[in-house]
Amino acid sequence: MTIWSTATLAGWLVGKEKAALQDLSETHEGALVALVMALDAREHDTKLHSLRVRAYARHLGKRMGLSRRNLLQLGEGALLHDIGKIGIPDQLLLKPGKLSEEEWTVMKTHPAIGANILDAVPFLSHASDVARSHHERFDGTGYPNGLRGEEIPIGGRIFAIVDVFDALTTDRPYHQKLSFRDAREQIRNGAGSHFDPAVVDAFLAVSVETWERISKTVGLSTSKV
Protein backbone atom coordinates (compact mmCIF):
# COMPACT_ATOMS: atom_id res chain seq x y z
CA MET A 1 0.00 0.00 0.00
CA THR A 2 1.30 3.45 -0.98
CA ILE A 3 1.45 5.98 1.83
CA TRP A 4 1.35 9.57 0.65
CA SER A 5 2.80 12.47 2.56
CA THR A 6 0.53 15.40 3.38
CA ALA A 7 2.31 17.54 0.77
CA THR A 8 1.93 14.89 -1.92
CA LEU A 9 -1.74 14.40 -1.13
CA ALA A 10 -2.33 18.16 -1.18
CA GLY A 11 -0.60 18.42 -4.53
CA TRP A 12 -2.72 15.61 -5.94
CA LEU A 13 -5.93 17.26 -4.74
CA VAL A 14 -4.92 20.61 -6.19
CA GLY A 15 -4.16 18.92 -9.52
CA LYS A 16 -7.55 17.19 -9.52
CA GLU A 17 -9.30 20.48 -8.70
CA LYS A 18 -7.49 22.29 -11.52
CA ALA A 19 -8.43 19.53 -13.97
CA ALA A 20 -12.07 19.69 -12.88
CA LEU A 21 -12.12 23.48 -13.26
CA GLN A 22 -10.52 23.18 -16.70
CA ASP A 23 -13.17 20.67 -17.76
CA LEU A 24 -15.89 22.98 -16.46
CA SER A 25 -14.36 25.97 -18.26
CA GLU A 26 -14.16 24.07 -21.54
CA THR A 27 -17.77 22.90 -21.19
CA HIS A 28 -18.87 26.49 -20.49
CA GLU A 29 -16.87 27.77 -23.48
CA GLY A 30 -18.21 25.07 -25.77
CA ALA A 31 -21.80 25.78 -24.82
CA LEU A 32 -21.43 29.52 -25.42
CA VAL A 33 -19.72 29.02 -28.79
CA ALA A 34 -22.42 26.58 -29.91
CA LEU A 35 -25.12 29.06 -28.89
CA VAL A 36 -23.64 32.05 -30.71
CA MET A 37 -22.81 30.05 -33.83
CA ALA A 38 -26.47 29.02 -33.95
CA LEU A 39 -27.49 32.67 -33.59
CA ASP A 40 -25.02 33.77 -36.26
CA ALA A 41 -26.28 31.05 -38.59
CA ARG A 42 -29.79 32.49 -38.23
CA GLU A 43 -28.48 35.55 -40.04
CA HIS A 44 -26.97 33.73 -42.99
CA ASP A 45 -24.52 36.52 -43.82
CA THR A 46 -22.85 36.74 -40.40
CA LYS A 47 -21.13 33.36 -40.05
CA LEU A 48 -18.30 33.53 -37.48
CA HIS A 49 -19.07 37.22 -36.79
CA SER A 50 -19.35 36.74 -33.03
CA LEU A 51 -16.15 34.72 -32.86
CA ARG A 52 -14.20 37.29 -34.87
CA VAL A 53 -15.41 40.27 -32.84
CA ARG A 54 -14.54 38.43 -29.63
CA ALA A 55 -11.00 37.90 -30.89
CA TYR A 56 -10.71 41.51 -32.05
CA ALA A 57 -12.12 42.84 -28.77
CA ARG A 58 -9.73 40.75 -26.67
CA HIS A 59 -6.76 41.98 -28.67
CA LEU A 60 -7.81 45.62 -28.46
CA GLY A 61 -8.68 45.31 -24.77
CA LYS A 62 -5.27 43.83 -24.02
CA ARG A 63 -3.69 46.68 -25.97
CA MET A 64 -5.54 49.12 -23.71
CA GLY A 65 -4.29 47.43 -20.54
CA LEU A 66 -7.50 45.78 -19.33
CA SER A 67 -7.06 43.31 -16.49
CA ARG A 68 -7.34 39.57 -17.08
CA ARG A 69 -10.76 39.58 -15.42
CA ASN A 70 -11.99 42.49 -17.51
CA LEU A 71 -10.67 40.85 -20.69
CA LEU A 72 -12.64 37.71 -19.85
CA GLN A 73 -15.79 39.77 -19.30
CA LEU A 74 -15.20 41.73 -22.51
CA GLY A 75 -14.69 38.51 -24.46
CA GLU A 76 -17.90 36.94 -23.22
CA GLY A 77 -19.80 40.18 -23.77
CA ALA A 78 -18.49 40.34 -27.34
CA LEU A 79 -19.41 36.73 -27.95
CA LEU A 80 -22.96 37.26 -26.67
CA HIS A 81 -23.52 40.85 -27.84
CA ASP A 82 -26.35 40.01 -30.23
CA ILE A 83 -28.14 37.41 -28.11
CA GLY A 84 -31.09 39.82 -27.93
CA LYS A 85 -31.79 39.19 -31.61
CA ILE A 86 -33.39 35.95 -30.47
CA GLY A 87 -36.36 38.19 -29.63
CA ILE A 88 -36.55 39.81 -33.09
CA PRO A 89 -38.98 38.23 -35.59
CA ASP A 90 -37.40 36.53 -38.61
CA GLN A 91 -39.31 38.72 -41.05
CA LEU A 92 -37.41 41.72 -39.69
CA LEU A 93 -34.06 40.10 -38.98
CA LEU A 94 -33.85 38.49 -42.42
CA LYS A 95 -35.58 41.22 -44.43
CA PRO A 96 -33.45 41.88 -47.54
CA GLY A 97 -34.55 45.47 -48.01
CA LYS A 98 -34.56 48.57 -45.85
CA LEU A 99 -36.56 48.44 -42.63
CA SER A 100 -39.49 50.78 -42.16
CA GLU A 101 -39.43 53.23 -39.26
CA GLU A 102 -41.73 50.95 -37.24
CA GLU A 103 -39.60 47.88 -38.03
CA TRP A 104 -36.42 49.73 -37.12
CA THR A 105 -37.96 50.67 -33.76
CA VAL A 106 -38.48 46.96 -33.07
CA MET A 107 -34.95 46.08 -34.25
CA LYS A 108 -33.46 48.64 -31.87
CA THR A 109 -34.88 46.75 -28.89
CA HIS A 110 -32.38 43.90 -29.28
CA PRO A 111 -29.64 45.41 -27.04
CA ALA A 112 -32.07 45.74 -24.12
CA ILE A 113 -33.49 42.27 -24.75
CA GLY A 114 -29.99 40.81 -24.75
CA ALA A 115 -28.97 42.62 -21.58
CA ASN A 116 -32.10 41.40 -19.79
CA ILE A 117 -31.40 37.82 -20.84
CA LEU A 118 -27.80 37.98 -19.59
CA ASP A 119 -28.74 39.78 -16.35
CA ALA A 120 -31.04 36.86 -15.56
CA VAL A 121 -28.15 34.36 -15.69
CA PRO A 122 -25.80 34.93 -12.71
CA PHE A 123 -22.65 33.59 -14.39
CA LEU A 124 -23.27 35.69 -17.52
CA SER A 125 -24.55 38.94 -16.01
CA HIS A 126 -21.10 40.54 -16.32
CA ALA A 127 -21.53 40.33 -20.12
CA SER A 128 -24.68 42.46 -20.14
CA ASP A 129 -22.86 45.82 -20.35
CA VAL A 130 -21.55 45.04 -23.83
CA ALA A 131 -24.90 43.65 -24.99
CA ARG A 132 -26.72 46.75 -23.72
CA SER A 133 -24.26 49.38 -24.97
CA HIS A 134 -22.80 48.06 -28.23
CA HIS A 135 -24.95 50.39 -30.36
CA GLU A 136 -24.31 53.49 -28.28
CA ARG A 137 -22.24 56.21 -29.97
CA PHE A 138 -19.59 58.43 -28.39
CA ASP A 139 -21.48 61.60 -29.41
CA GLY A 140 -24.70 60.43 -27.74
CA THR A 141 -26.67 59.65 -30.91
CA GLY A 142 -26.74 55.87 -30.45
CA TYR A 143 -29.31 53.57 -28.87
CA PRO A 144 -31.01 52.35 -26.73
CA ASN A 145 -30.15 54.96 -24.09
CA GLY A 146 -28.34 57.74 -25.94
CA LEU A 147 -25.29 57.45 -23.69
CA ARG A 148 -22.44 59.88 -24.38
CA GLY A 149 -18.67 59.65 -23.93
CA GLU A 150 -17.54 57.82 -20.83
CA GLU A 151 -21.13 57.15 -19.82
CA ILE A 152 -20.71 54.21 -22.18
CA PRO A 153 -18.91 51.32 -20.43
CA ILE A 154 -15.37 50.79 -21.69
CA GLY A 155 -16.35 47.35 -22.99
CA GLY A 156 -19.05 48.94 -25.10
CA ARG A 157 -16.64 51.58 -26.44
CA ILE A 158 -14.11 48.92 -27.42
CA PHE A 159 -16.72 46.64 -28.88
CA ALA A 160 -18.34 49.37 -30.99
CA ILE A 161 -15.14 49.67 -33.01
CA VAL A 162 -14.52 45.98 -33.61
CA ASP A 163 -18.18 45.35 -34.43
CA VAL A 164 -18.18 47.99 -37.17
CA PHE A 165 -14.74 46.89 -38.35
CA ASP A 166 -15.93 43.32 -38.83
CA ALA A 167 -19.10 44.48 -40.60
CA LEU A 168 -17.03 46.60 -42.99
CA THR A 169 -14.61 43.78 -43.82
CA THR A 170 -17.23 41.11 -44.55
CA ASP A 171 -19.79 40.92 -47.36
CA ARG A 172 -23.29 41.91 -46.27
CA PRO A 173 -26.53 42.21 -48.29
CA TYR A 174 -26.25 45.99 -48.13
CA HIS A 175 -22.57 46.38 -49.08
CA GLN A 176 -19.51 44.61 -50.45
CA LYS A 177 -16.66 44.16 -48.03
CA LEU A 178 -13.87 46.70 -47.80
CA SER A 179 -10.20 45.91 -47.53
CA PHE A 180 -8.85 45.89 -43.99
CA ARG A 181 -6.87 49.03 -44.80
CA ASP A 182 -9.92 50.93 -46.09
CA ALA A 183 -12.03 49.77 -43.14
CA ARG A 184 -9.30 51.02 -40.81
CA GLU A 185 -9.65 54.49 -42.35
CA GLN A 186 -13.41 54.39 -41.82
CA ILE A 187 -12.78 53.73 -38.12
CA ARG A 188 -10.33 56.65 -38.04
CA ASN A 189 -12.99 58.91 -39.56
CA GLY A 190 -15.49 57.91 -36.85
CA ALA A 191 -13.32 59.11 -33.95
CA GLY A 192 -15.19 61.57 -31.74
CA SER A 193 -18.58 60.90 -33.31
CA HIS A 194 -19.26 57.17 -33.39
CA PHE A 195 -16.16 56.07 -31.47
CA ASP A 196 -14.10 57.03 -28.43
CA PRO A 197 -10.97 58.76 -29.84
CA ALA A 198 -8.72 57.09 -27.26
CA VAL A 199 -9.96 53.65 -28.27
CA VAL A 200 -9.57 54.56 -31.94
CA ASP A 201 -5.94 55.50 -31.26
CA ALA A 202 -5.34 52.09 -29.67
CA PHE A 203 -7.05 50.38 -32.60
CA LEU A 204 -4.95 52.28 -35.16
CA ALA A 205 -1.77 51.37 -33.30
CA VAL A 206 -2.39 47.74 -34.31
CA SER A 207 -1.17 46.95 -37.82
CA VAL A 208 -3.52 45.98 -40.63
CA GLU A 209 -1.56 42.74 -40.94
CA THR A 210 -2.31 41.88 -37.30
CA TRP A 211 -6.06 42.36 -37.75
CA GLU A 212 -5.93 40.21 -40.87
CA ARG A 213 -4.04 37.49 -39.01
CA ILE A 214 -6.59 37.48 -36.19
CA SER A 215 -9.44 37.16 -38.68
CA LYS A 216 -7.79 34.24 -40.44
CA THR A 217 -7.03 32.54 -37.12
CA VAL A 218 -10.70 32.64 -36.16
CA GLY A 219 -11.55 31.03 -39.48
CA LEU A 220 -9.33 28.10 -38.60
CA SER A 221 -9.92 27.77 -34.88
CA THR A 222 -11.99 29.05 -31.97
CA SER A 223 -8.94 29.19 -29.71
CA LYS A 224 -7.89 32.38 -27.95
CA VAL A 225 -6.00 35.01 -29.91
C-alpha atoms as a PDB file:
ATOM      1  CA  MET A   1       0.000   0.000   0.000  1.00  0.00           C
ATOM      2  CA  THR A   2       1.303   3.446  -0.981  1.00  0.00           C
ATOM      3  CA  ILE A   3       1.449   5.976   1.832  1.00  0.00           C
ATOM      4  CA  TRP A   4       1.354   9.569   0.650  1.00  0.00           C
ATOM      5  CA  SER A   5       2.803  12.474   2.562  1.00  0.00           C
ATOM      6  CA  THR A   6       0.526  15.401   3.378  1.00  0.00           C
ATOM      7  CA  ALA A   7       2.312  17.539   0.773  1.00  0.00           C
ATOM      8  CA  THR A   8       1.931  14.886  -1.916  1.00  0.00           C
ATOM      9  CA  LEU A   9      -1.745  14.400  -1.131  1.00  0.00           C
ATOM     10  CA  ALA A  10      -2.334  18.162  -1.177  1.00  0.00           C
ATOM     11  CA  GLY A  11      -0.595  18.424  -4.528  1.00  0.00           C
ATOM     12  CA  TRP A  12      -2.720  15.610  -5.944  1.00  0.00           C
ATOM     13  CA  LEU A  13      -5.929  17.260  -4.743  1.00  0.00           C
ATOM     14  CA  VAL A  14      -4.916  20.610  -6.195  1.00  0.00           C
ATOM     15  CA  GLY A  15      -4.163  18.919  -9.516  1.00  0.00           C
ATOM     16  CA  LYS A  16      -7.552  17.194  -9.517  1.00  0.00           C
ATOM     17  CA  GLU A  17      -9.297  20.476  -8.699  1.00  0.00           C
ATOM     18  CA  LYS A  18      -7.485  22.292 -11.522  1.00  0.00           C
ATOM     19  CA  ALA A  19      -8.426  19.527 -13.966  1.00  0.00           C
ATOM     20  CA  ALA A  20     -12.072  19.690 -12.881  1.00  0.00           C
ATOM     21  CA  LEU A  21     -12.118  23.480 -13.257  1.00  0.00           C
ATOM     22  CA  GLN A  22     -10.517  23.183 -16.698  1.00  0.00           C
ATOM     23  CA  ASP A  23     -13.167  20.667 -17.765  1.00  0.00           C
ATOM     24  CA  LEU A  24     -15.894  22.982 -16.460  1.00  0.00           C
ATOM     25  CA  SER A  25     -14.363  25.970 -18.260  1.00  0.00           C
ATOM     26  CA  GLU A  26     -14.155  24.069 -21.536  1.00  0.00           C
ATOM     27  CA  THR A  27     -17.769  22.903 -21.193  1.00  0.00           C
ATOM     28  CA  HIS A  28     -18.871  26.489 -20.492  1.00  0.00           C
ATOM     29  CA  GLU A  29     -16.875  27.768 -23.481  1.00  0.00           C
ATOM     30  CA  GLY A  30     -18.213  25.068 -25.775  1.00  0.00           C
ATOM     31  CA  ALA A  31     -21.800  25.779 -24.819  1.00  0.00           C
ATOM     32  CA  LEU A  32     -21.430  29.518 -25.419  1.00  0.00           C
ATOM     33  CA  VAL A  33     -19.721  29.024 -28.786  1.00  0.00           C
ATOM     34  CA  ALA A  34     -22.418  26.581 -29.907  1.00  0.00           C
ATOM     35  CA  LEU A  35     -25.120  29.059 -28.887  1.00  0.00           C
ATOM     36  CA  VAL A  36     -23.644  32.049 -30.706  1.00  0.00           C
ATOM     37  CA  MET A  37     -22.811  30.053 -33.826  1.00  0.00           C
ATOM     38  CA  ALA A  38     -26.466  29.016 -33.948  1.00  0.00           C
ATOM     39  CA  LEU A  39     -27.494  32.670 -33.591  1.00  0.00           C
ATOM     40  CA  ASP A  40     -25.020  33.774 -36.261  1.00  0.00           C
ATOM     41  CA  ALA A  41     -26.282  31.047 -38.589  1.00  0.00           C
ATOM     42  CA  ARG A  42     -29.790  32.487 -38.234  1.00  0.00           C
ATOM     43  CA  GLU A  43     -28.478  35.552 -40.040  1.00  0.00           C
ATOM     44  CA  HIS A  44     -26.968  33.728 -42.990  1.00  0.00           C
ATOM     45  CA  ASP A  45     -24.523  36.521 -43.820  1.00  0.00           C
ATOM     46  CA  THR A  46     -22.847  36.737 -40.404  1.00  0.00           C
ATOM     47  CA  LYS A  47     -21.127  33.355 -40.045  1.00  0.00           C
ATOM     48  CA  LEU A  48     -18.298  33.535 -37.475  1.00  0.00           C
ATOM     49  CA  HIS A  49     -19.075  37.222 -36.792  1.00  0.00           C
ATOM     50  CA  SER A  50     -19.353  36.740 -33.027  1.00  0.00           C
ATOM     51  CA  LEU A  51     -16.147  34.718 -32.857  1.00  0.00           C
ATOM     52  CA  ARG A  52     -14.201  37.295 -34.871  1.00  0.00           C
ATOM     53  CA  VAL A  53     -15.411  40.271 -32.837  1.00  0.00           C
ATOM     54  CA  ARG A  54     -14.540  38.433 -29.630  1.00  0.00           C
ATOM     55  CA  ALA A  55     -10.999  37.898 -30.894  1.00  0.00           C
ATOM     56  CA  TYR A  56     -10.711  41.511 -32.052  1.00  0.00           C
ATOM     57  CA  ALA A  57     -12.115  42.842 -28.766  1.00  0.00           C
ATOM     58  CA  ARG A  58      -9.731  40.752 -26.670  1.00  0.00           C
ATOM     59  CA  HIS A  59      -6.761  41.983 -28.668  1.00  0.00           C
ATOM     60  CA  LEU A  60      -7.806  45.619 -28.456  1.00  0.00           C
ATOM     61  CA  GLY A  61      -8.684  45.314 -24.766  1.00  0.00           C
ATOM     62  CA  LYS A  62      -5.271  43.834 -24.019  1.00  0.00           C
ATOM     63  CA  ARG A  63      -3.692  46.682 -25.970  1.00  0.00           C
ATOM     64  CA  MET A  64      -5.543  49.117 -23.707  1.00  0.00           C
ATOM     65  CA  GLY A  65      -4.294  47.428 -20.543  1.00  0.00           C
ATOM     66  CA  LEU A  66      -7.503  45.775 -19.333  1.00  0.00           C
ATOM     67  CA  SER A  67      -7.063  43.309 -16.493  1.00  0.00           C
ATOM     68  CA  ARG A  68      -7.341  39.573 -17.083  1.00  0.00           C
ATOM     69  CA  ARG A  69     -10.763  39.577 -15.421  1.00  0.00           C
ATOM     70  CA  ASN A  70     -11.992  42.490 -17.514  1.00  0.00           C
ATOM     71  CA  LEU A  71     -10.673  40.850 -20.686  1.00  0.00           C
ATOM     72  CA  LEU A  72     -12.640  37.709 -19.845  1.00  0.00           C
ATOM     73  CA  GLN A  73     -15.790  39.773 -19.297  1.00  0.00           C
ATOM     74  CA  LEU A  74     -15.199  41.733 -22.507  1.00  0.00           C
ATOM     75  CA  GLY A  75     -14.688  38.507 -24.457  1.00  0.00           C
ATOM     76  CA  GLU A  76     -17.900  36.935 -23.223  1.00  0.00           C
ATOM     77  CA  GLY A  77     -19.796  40.184 -23.771  1.00  0.00           C
ATOM     78  CA  ALA A  78     -18.488  40.341 -27.337  1.00  0.00           C
ATOM     79  CA  LEU A  79     -19.415  36.732 -27.948  1.00  0.00           C
ATOM     80  CA  LEU A  80     -22.965  37.260 -26.672  1.00  0.00           C
ATOM     81  CA  HIS A  81     -23.519  40.849 -27.838  1.00  0.00           C
ATOM     82  CA  ASP A  82     -26.354  40.009 -30.233  1.00  0.00           C
ATOM     83  CA  ILE A  83     -28.144  37.414 -28.114  1.00  0.00           C
ATOM     84  CA  GLY A  84     -31.086  39.824 -27.930  1.00  0.00           C
ATOM     85  CA  LYS A  85     -31.791  39.195 -31.610  1.00  0.00           C
ATOM     86  CA  ILE A  86     -33.392  35.953 -30.472  1.00  0.00           C
ATOM     87  CA  GLY A  87     -36.357  38.194 -29.627  1.00  0.00           C
ATOM     88  CA  ILE A  88     -36.545  39.808 -33.085  1.00  0.00           C
ATOM     89  CA  PRO A  89     -38.983  38.234 -35.594  1.00  0.00           C
ATOM     90  CA  ASP A  90     -37.401  36.533 -38.607  1.00  0.00           C
ATOM     91  CA  GLN A  91     -39.309  38.717 -41.045  1.00  0.00           C
ATOM     92  CA  LEU A  92     -37.410  41.722 -39.688  1.00  0.00           C
ATOM     93  CA  LEU A  93     -34.063  40.099 -38.984  1.00  0.00           C
ATOM     94  CA  LEU A  94     -33.850  38.486 -42.425  1.00  0.00           C
ATOM     95  CA  LYS A  95     -35.580  41.220 -44.429  1.00  0.00           C
ATOM     96  CA  PRO A  96     -33.447  41.876 -47.542  1.00  0.00           C
ATOM     97  CA  GLY A  97     -34.551  45.472 -48.009  1.00  0.00           C
ATOM     98  CA  LYS A  98     -34.559  48.572 -45.855  1.00  0.00           C
ATOM     99  CA  LEU A  99     -36.562  48.439 -42.632  1.00  0.00           C
ATOM    100  CA  SER A 100     -39.494  50.784 -42.158  1.00  0.00           C
ATOM    101  CA  GLU A 101     -39.432  53.227 -39.261  1.00  0.00           C
ATOM    102  CA  GLU A 102     -41.726  50.947 -37.241  1.00  0.00           C
ATOM    103  CA  GLU A 103     -39.600  47.882 -38.035  1.00  0.00           C
ATOM    104  CA  TRP A 104     -36.420  49.732 -37.116  1.00  0.00           C
ATOM    105  CA  THR A 105     -37.957  50.667 -33.762  1.00  0.00           C
ATOM    106  CA  VAL A 106     -38.476  46.957 -33.073  1.00  0.00           C
ATOM    107  CA  MET A 107     -34.952  46.077 -34.245  1.00  0.00           C
ATOM    108  CA  LYS A 108     -33.458  48.640 -31.871  1.00  0.00           C
ATOM    109  CA  THR A 109     -34.879  46.749 -28.894  1.00  0.00           C
ATOM    110  CA  HIS A 110     -32.376  43.900 -29.275  1.00  0.00           C
ATOM    111  CA  PRO A 111     -29.637  45.410 -27.037  1.00  0.00           C
ATOM    112  CA  ALA A 112     -32.067  45.741 -24.116  1.00  0.00           C
ATOM    113  CA  ILE A 113     -33.495  42.268 -24.753  1.00  0.00           C
ATOM    114  CA  GLY A 114     -29.994  40.810 -24.753  1.00  0.00           C
ATOM    115  CA  ALA A 115     -28.966  42.617 -21.583  1.00  0.00           C
ATOM    116  CA  ASN A 116     -32.097  41.401 -19.793  1.00  0.00           C
ATOM    117  CA  ILE A 117     -31.404  37.817 -20.837  1.00  0.00           C
ATOM    118  CA  LEU A 118     -27.803  37.979 -19.590  1.00  0.00           C
ATOM    119  CA  ASP A 119     -28.736  39.779 -16.352  1.00  0.00           C
ATOM    120  CA  ALA A 120     -31.037  36.858 -15.558  1.00  0.00           C
ATOM    121  CA  VAL A 121     -28.145  34.363 -15.688  1.00  0.00           C
ATOM    122  CA  PRO A 122     -25.802  34.926 -12.713  1.00  0.00           C
ATOM    123  CA  PHE A 123     -22.650  33.593 -14.389  1.00  0.00           C
ATOM    124  CA  LEU A 124     -23.268  35.694 -17.518  1.00  0.00           C
ATOM    125  CA  SER A 125     -24.554  38.943 -16.005  1.00  0.00           C
ATOM    126  CA  HIS A 126     -21.097  40.538 -16.322  1.00  0.00           C
ATOM    127  CA  ALA A 127     -21.530  40.329 -20.123  1.00  0.00           C
ATOM    128  CA  SER A 128     -24.682  42.457 -20.140  1.00  0.00           C
ATOM    129  CA  ASP A 129     -22.863  45.821 -20.349  1.00  0.00           C
ATOM    130  CA  VAL A 130     -21.549  45.036 -23.832  1.00  0.00           C
ATOM    131  CA  ALA A 131     -24.899  43.649 -24.985  1.00  0.00           C
ATOM    132  CA  ARG A 132     -26.718  46.747 -23.719  1.00  0.00           C
ATOM    133  CA  SER A 133     -24.258  49.382 -24.969  1.00  0.00           C
ATOM    134  CA  HIS A 134     -22.799  48.061 -28.226  1.00  0.00           C
ATOM    135  CA  HIS A 135     -24.949  50.387 -30.363  1.00  0.00           C
ATOM    136  CA  GLU A 136     -24.314  53.494 -28.279  1.00  0.00           C
ATOM    137  CA  ARG A 137     -22.236  56.213 -29.970  1.00  0.00           C
ATOM    138  CA  PHE A 138     -19.594  58.432 -28.391  1.00  0.00           C
ATOM    139  CA  ASP A 139     -21.481  61.603 -29.411  1.00  0.00           C
ATOM    140  CA  GLY A 140     -24.697  60.426 -27.737  1.00  0.00           C
ATOM    141  CA  THR A 141     -26.672  59.651 -30.914  1.00  0.00           C
ATOM    142  CA  GLY A 142     -26.744  55.871 -30.451  1.00  0.00           C
ATOM    143  CA  TYR A 143     -29.314  53.571 -28.873  1.00  0.00           C
ATOM    144  CA  PRO A 144     -31.006  52.345 -26.727  1.00  0.00           C
ATOM    145  CA  ASN A 145     -30.153  54.956 -24.088  1.00  0.00           C
ATOM    146  CA  GLY A 146     -28.343  57.739 -25.941  1.00  0.00           C
ATOM    147  CA  LEU A 147     -25.292  57.448 -23.695  1.00  0.00           C
ATOM    148  CA  ARG A 148     -22.443  59.875 -24.382  1.00  0.00           C
ATOM    149  CA  GLY A 149     -18.669  59.651 -23.927  1.00  0.00           C
ATOM    150  CA  GLU A 150     -17.537  57.815 -20.832  1.00  0.00           C
ATOM    151  CA  GLU A 151     -21.131  57.155 -19.816  1.00  0.00           C
ATOM    152  CA  ILE A 152     -20.708  54.209 -22.184  1.00  0.00           C
ATOM    153  CA  PRO A 153     -18.912  51.322 -20.426  1.00  0.00           C
ATOM    154  CA  ILE A 154     -15.365  50.788 -21.685  1.00  0.00           C
ATOM    155  CA  GLY A 155     -16.347  47.351 -22.987  1.00  0.00           C
ATOM    156  CA  GLY A 156     -19.050  48.944 -25.104  1.00  0.00           C
ATOM    157  CA  ARG A 157     -16.637  51.579 -26.443  1.00  0.00           C
ATOM    158  CA  ILE A 158     -14.107  48.921 -27.420  1.00  0.00           C
ATOM    159  CA  PHE A 159     -16.724  46.641 -28.878  1.00  0.00           C
ATOM    160  CA  ALA A 160     -18.342  49.372 -30.986  1.00  0.00           C
ATOM    161  CA  ILE A 161     -15.143  49.675 -33.011  1.00  0.00           C
ATOM    162  CA  VAL A 162     -14.516  45.981 -33.611  1.00  0.00           C
ATOM    163  CA  ASP A 163     -18.180  45.353 -34.427  1.00  0.00           C
ATOM    164  CA  VAL A 164     -18.183  47.995 -37.170  1.00  0.00           C
ATOM    165  CA  PHE A 165     -14.738  46.887 -38.354  1.00  0.00           C
ATOM    166  CA  ASP A 166     -15.934  43.320 -38.833  1.00  0.00           C
ATOM    167  CA  ALA A 167     -19.105  44.482 -40.595  1.00  0.00           C
ATOM    168  CA  LEU A 168     -17.035  46.599 -42.991  1.00  0.00           C
ATOM    169  CA  THR A 169     -14.611  43.778 -43.817  1.00  0.00           C
ATOM    170  CA  THR A 170     -17.235  41.111 -44.554  1.00  0.00           C
ATOM    171  CA  ASP A 171     -19.785  40.916 -47.363  1.00  0.00           C
ATOM    172  CA  ARG A 172     -23.286  41.912 -46.268  1.00  0.00           C
ATOM    173  CA  PRO A 173     -26.527  42.207 -48.290  1.00  0.00           C
ATOM    174  CA  TYR A 174     -26.248  45.990 -48.127  1.00  0.00           C
ATOM    175  CA  HIS A 175     -22.567  46.376 -49.077  1.00  0.00           C
ATOM    176  CA  GLN A 176     -19.508  44.612 -50.449  1.00  0.00           C
ATOM    177  CA  LYS A 177     -16.658  44.159 -48.032  1.00  0.00           C
ATOM    178  CA  LEU A 178     -13.873  46.700 -47.800  1.00  0.00           C
ATOM    179  CA  SER A 179     -10.198  45.912 -47.531  1.00  0.00           C
ATOM    180  CA  PHE A 180      -8.852  45.894 -43.990  1.00  0.00           C
ATOM    181  CA  ARG A 181      -6.868  49.028 -44.805  1.00  0.00           C
ATOM    182  CA  ASP A 182      -9.916  50.931 -46.090  1.00  0.00           C
ATOM    183  CA  ALA A 183     -12.028  49.770 -43.136  1.00  0.00           C
ATOM    184  CA  ARG A 184      -9.295  51.017 -40.809  1.00  0.00           C
ATOM    185  CA  GLU A 185      -9.650  54.487 -42.352  1.00  0.00           C
ATOM    186  CA  GLN A 186     -13.412  54.390 -41.815  1.00  0.00           C
ATOM    187  CA  ILE A 187     -12.775  53.729 -38.119  1.00  0.00           C
ATOM    188  CA  ARG A 188     -10.331  56.649 -38.040  1.00  0.00           C
ATOM    189  CA  ASN A 189     -12.990  58.911 -39.561  1.00  0.00           C
ATOM    190  CA  GLY A 190     -15.487  57.907 -36.849  1.00  0.00           C
ATOM    191  CA  ALA A 191     -13.324  59.111 -33.945  1.00  0.00           C
ATOM    192  CA  GLY A 192     -15.187  61.568 -31.745  1.00  0.00           C
ATOM    193  CA  SER A 193     -18.577  60.896 -33.314  1.00  0.00           C
ATOM    194  CA  HIS A 194     -19.260  57.166 -33.389  1.00  0.00           C
ATOM    195  CA  PHE A 195     -16.163  56.071 -31.466  1.00  0.00           C
ATOM    196  CA  ASP A 196     -14.099  57.028 -28.428  1.00  0.00           C
ATOM    197  CA  PRO A 197     -10.970  58.763 -29.837  1.00  0.00           C
ATOM    198  CA  ALA A 198      -8.717  57.093 -27.258  1.00  0.00           C
ATOM    199  CA  VAL A 199      -9.955  53.645 -28.266  1.00  0.00           C
ATOM    200  CA  VAL A 200      -9.569  54.562 -31.940  1.00  0.00           C
ATOM    201  CA  ASP A 201      -5.936  55.503 -31.263  1.00  0.00           C
ATOM    202  CA  ALA A 202      -5.340  52.088 -29.669  1.00  0.00           C
ATOM    203  CA  PHE A 203      -7.054  50.378 -32.604  1.00  0.00           C
ATOM    204  CA  LEU A 204      -4.950  52.279 -35.165  1.00  0.00           C
ATOM    205  CA  ALA A 205      -1.767  51.374 -33.299  1.00  0.00           C
ATOM    206  CA  VAL A 206      -2.388  47.736 -34.309  1.00  0.00           C
ATOM    207  CA  SER A 207      -1.169  46.954 -37.821  1.00  0.00           C
ATOM    208  CA  VAL A 208      -3.524  45.980 -40.631  1.00  0.00           C
ATOM    209  CA  GLU A 209      -1.562  42.740 -40.939  1.00  0.00           C
ATOM    210  CA  THR A 210      -2.306  41.876 -37.300  1.00  0.00           C
ATOM    211  CA  TRP A 211      -6.058  42.362 -37.747  1.00  0.00           C
ATOM    212  CA  GLU A 212      -5.932  40.208 -40.875  1.00  0.00           C
ATOM    213  CA  ARG A 213      -4.043  37.492 -39.014  1.00  0.00           C
ATOM    214  CA  ILE A 214      -6.591  37.477 -36.194  1.00  0.00           C
ATOM    215  CA  SER A 215      -9.444  37.163 -38.680  1.00  0.00           C
ATOM    216  CA  LYS A 216      -7.792  34.236 -40.436  1.00  0.00           C
ATOM    217  CA  THR A 217      -7.029  32.541 -37.120  1.00  0.00           C
ATOM    218  CA  VAL A 218     -10.702  32.642 -36.157  1.00  0.00           C
ATOM    219  CA  GLY A 219     -11.546  31.028 -39.479  1.00  0.00           C
ATOM    220  CA  LEU A 220      -9.328  28.099 -38.599  1.00  0.00           C
ATOM    221  CA  SER A 221      -9.916  27.767 -34.879  1.00  0.00           C
ATOM    222  CA  THR A 222     -11.995  29.054 -31.974  1.00  0.00           C
ATOM    223  CA  SER A 223      -8.937  29.194 -29.711  1.00  0.00           C
ATOM    224  CA  LYS A 224      -7.895  32.383 -27.954  1.00  0.00           C
ATOM    225  CA  VAL A 225      -5.998  35.011 -29.906  1.00  0.00           C
END
